[in-house]
Amino acid sequence: MKTETGAALSAAFPKPKPKSELLSFSQIEKDYGSPKESTMYAWVCLNRYGIRDLVIKVGRLSRIRRSDFEDWLASRQAGGKAA
């Protein structure tokens, strides 16, 4: 019975995929090496490169979904829209 309940719970509440992980600016700096945390805050404040649209506010904290950041980064590397 215990395993049935565990299976039912895991089916009802699947673990989030790593791509949907919310990252802080310091995690982005650590994982990708660039841009620096302080640069990210400045870009958000100035809405540089459209980065503000990616930011999710969690209370007073700013977070960005990993998948959104990777898509944004790919568009910047491919010569996407300039700000």
C-alpha atoms as a PDB file:
ATOM      1  CA  MET A   1       0.000   0.000   0.000  1.00  0.00           C
ATOM      2  CA  LYS A   2       2.853   2.339   0.773  1.00  0.00           C
ATOM      3  CA  THR A   3       4.330   1.976  -2.718  1.00  0.00           C
ATOM      4  CA  GLU A   4       0.944   2.562  -4.356  1.00  0.00           C
ATOM      5  CA  THR A   5       0.560   5.831  -2.464  1.00  0.00           C
ATOM      6  CA  GLY A   6       4.101   6.884  -3.395  1.00  0.00           C
ATOM      7  CA  ALA A   7       3.467   6.045  -7.045  1.00  0.00           C
ATOM      8  CA  ALA A   8       0.175   7.935  -7.006  1.00  0.00           C
ATOM      9  CA  LEU A   9       1.820  10.974  -5.442  1.00  0.00           C
ATOM     10  CA  SER A  10       4.725  10.967  -7.876  1.00  0.00           C
ATOM     11  CA  ALA A  11       2.274  10.682 -10.784  1.00  0.00           C
ATOM     12  CA  ALA A  12       0.146  13.528  -9.411  1.00  0.00           C
ATOM     13  CA  PHE A  13       3.119  15.758  -8.564  1.00  0.00           C
ATOM     14  CA  PRO A  14       5.993  15.040 -10.955  1.00  0.00           C
ATOM     15  CA  LYS A  15       9.355  16.609 -10.162  1.00  0.00           C
ATOM     16  CA  PRO A  16      10.052  19.727 -12.222  1.00  0.00           C
ATOM     17  CA  LYS A  17      12.393  19.269 -15.138  1.00  0.00           C
ATOM     18  CA  PRO A  18      15.821  20.863 -14.709  1.00  0.00           C
ATOM     19  CA  LYS A  19      15.109  23.129 -17.709  1.00  0.00           C
ATOM     20  CA  SER A  20      12.346  24.858 -15.706  1.00  0.00           C
ATOM     21  CA  GLU A  21      14.667  25.496 -12.784  1.00  0.00           C
ATOM     22  CA  LEU A  22      14.651  29.068 -11.461  1.00  0.00           C
ATOM     23  CA  LEU A  23      18.130  30.571 -11.287  1.00  0.00           C
ATOM     24  CA  SER A  24      19.418  33.520  -9.323  1.00  0.00           C
ATOM     25  CA  PHE A  25      21.837  35.908 -10.992  1.00  0.00           C
ATOM     26  CA  SER A  26      24.714  34.454  -8.948  1.00  0.00           C
ATOM     27  CA  GLN A  27      23.774  30.939 -10.143  1.00  0.00           C
ATOM     28  CA  ILE A  28      23.778  32.169 -13.741  1.00  0.00           C
ATOM     29  CA  GLU A  29      27.245  33.612 -13.224  1.00  0.00           C
ATOM     30  CA  LYS A  30      28.456  30.354 -11.668  1.00  0.00           C
ATOM     31  CA  ASP A  31      26.878  28.063 -14.303  1.00  0.00           C
ATOM     32  CA  TYR A  32      27.618  30.109 -17.411  1.00  0.00           C
ATOM     33  CA  GLY A  33      30.629  32.146 -16.312  1.00  0.00           C
ATOM     34  CA  SER A  34      29.226  35.340 -17.728  1.00  0.00           C
ATOM     35  CA  PRO A  35      27.638  37.851 -17.281  1.00  0.00           C
ATOM     36  CA  LYS A  36      28.569  38.842 -13.759  1.00  0.00           C
ATOM     37  CA  GLU A  37      25.834  39.111 -11.135  1.00  0.00           C
ATOM     38  CA  SER A  38      26.222  42.898 -10.880  1.00  0.00           C
ATOM     39  CA  THR A  39      25.985  43.223 -14.664  1.00  0.00           C
ATOM     40  CA  MET A  40      22.746  41.228 -14.691  1.00  0.00           C
ATOM     41  CA  TYR A  41      21.209  43.562 -12.088  1.00  0.00           C
ATOM     42  CA  ALA A  42      22.233  46.584 -14.160  1.00  0.00           C
ATOM     43  CA  TRP A  43      20.812  45.046 -17.360  1.00  0.00           C
ATOM     44  CA  VAL A  44      17.498  44.323 -15.630  1.00  0.00           C
ATOM     45  CA  CYS A  45      17.329  47.826 -14.184  1.00  0.00           C
ATOM     46  CA  LEU A  46      18.000  49.389 -17.596  1.00  0.00           C
ATOM     47  CA  ASN A  47      16.047  46.686 -19.497  1.00  0.00           C
ATOM     48  CA  ARG A  48      19.177  46.118 -21.558  1.00  0.00           C
ATOM     49  CA  TYR A  49      18.839  43.466 -24.277  1.00  0.00           C
ATOM     50  CA  GLY A  50      15.268  42.718 -23.201  1.00  0.00           C
ATOM     51  CA  ILE A  51      16.464  40.796 -20.149  1.00  0.00           C
ATOM     52  CA  ARG A  52      13.818  42.340 -17.870  1.00  0.00           C
ATOM     53  CA  ASP A  53      11.126  40.330 -19.672  1.00  0.00           C
ATOM     54  CA  LEU A  54      12.758  37.095 -18.454  1.00  0.00           C
ATOM     55  CA  VAL A  55      12.863  38.042 -14.772  1.00  0.00           C
ATOM     56  CA  ILE A  56      10.407  36.457 -12.353  1.00  0.00           C
ATOM     57  CA  LYS A  57      10.065  38.188  -9.009  1.00  0.00           C
ATOM     58  CA  VAL A  58       9.778  35.833  -6.032  1.00  0.00           C
ATOM     59  CA  GLY A  59       9.117  38.207  -3.178  1.00  0.00           C
ATOM     60  CA  ARG A  60      12.085  40.580  -3.324  1.00  0.00           C
ATOM     61  CA  LEU A  61      14.255  38.096  -5.209  1.00  0.00           C
ATOM     62  CA  SER A  62      14.818  38.080  -8.962  1.00  0.00           C
ATOM     63  CA  ARG A  63      14.934  34.742 -10.744  1.00  0.00           C
ATOM     64  CA  ILE A  64      15.147  33.588 -14.368  1.00  0.00           C
ATOM     65  CA  ARG A  65      14.081  30.208 -15.736  1.00  0.00           C
ATOM     66  CA  ARG A  66      17.062  28.248 -17.035  1.00  0.00           C
ATOM     67  CA  SER A  67      15.285  27.455 -20.316  1.00  0.00           C
ATOM     68  CA  ASP A  68      14.365  31.136 -20.867  1.00  0.00           C
ATOM     69  CA  PHE A  69      17.937  32.248 -20.168  1.00  0.00           C
ATOM     70  CA  GLU A  70      19.384  29.633 -22.523  1.00  0.00           C
ATOM     71  CA  ASP A  71      16.965  30.690 -25.283  1.00  0.00           C
ATOM     72  CA  TRP A  72      17.854  34.353 -24.697  1.00  0.00           C
ATOM     73  CA  LEU A  73      21.557  33.537 -24.723  1.00  0.00           C
ATOM     74  CA  ALA A  74      21.222  31.588 -27.976  1.00  0.00           C
ATOM     75  CA  SER A  75      19.367  34.491 -29.606  1.00  0.00           C
ATOM     76  CA  ARG A  76      22.129  36.892 -28.505  1.00  0.00           C
ATOM     77  CA  GLN A  77      24.849  34.599 -29.892  1.00  0.00           C
ATOM     78  CA  ALA A  78      23.012  34.208 -33.189  1.00  0.00           C
ATOM     79  CA  GLY A  79      22.825  37.969 -33.620  1.00  0.00           C
ATOM     80  CA  GLY A  80      19.232  38.283 -32.442  1.00  0.00           C
ATOM     81  CA  LYS A  81      17.431  41.576 -31.937  1.00  0.00           C
ATOM     82  CA  ALA A  82      19.635  44.368 -30.690  1.00  0.00           C
ATOM     83  CA  ALA A  83      18.581  46.712 -27.940  1.00  0.00           C
END
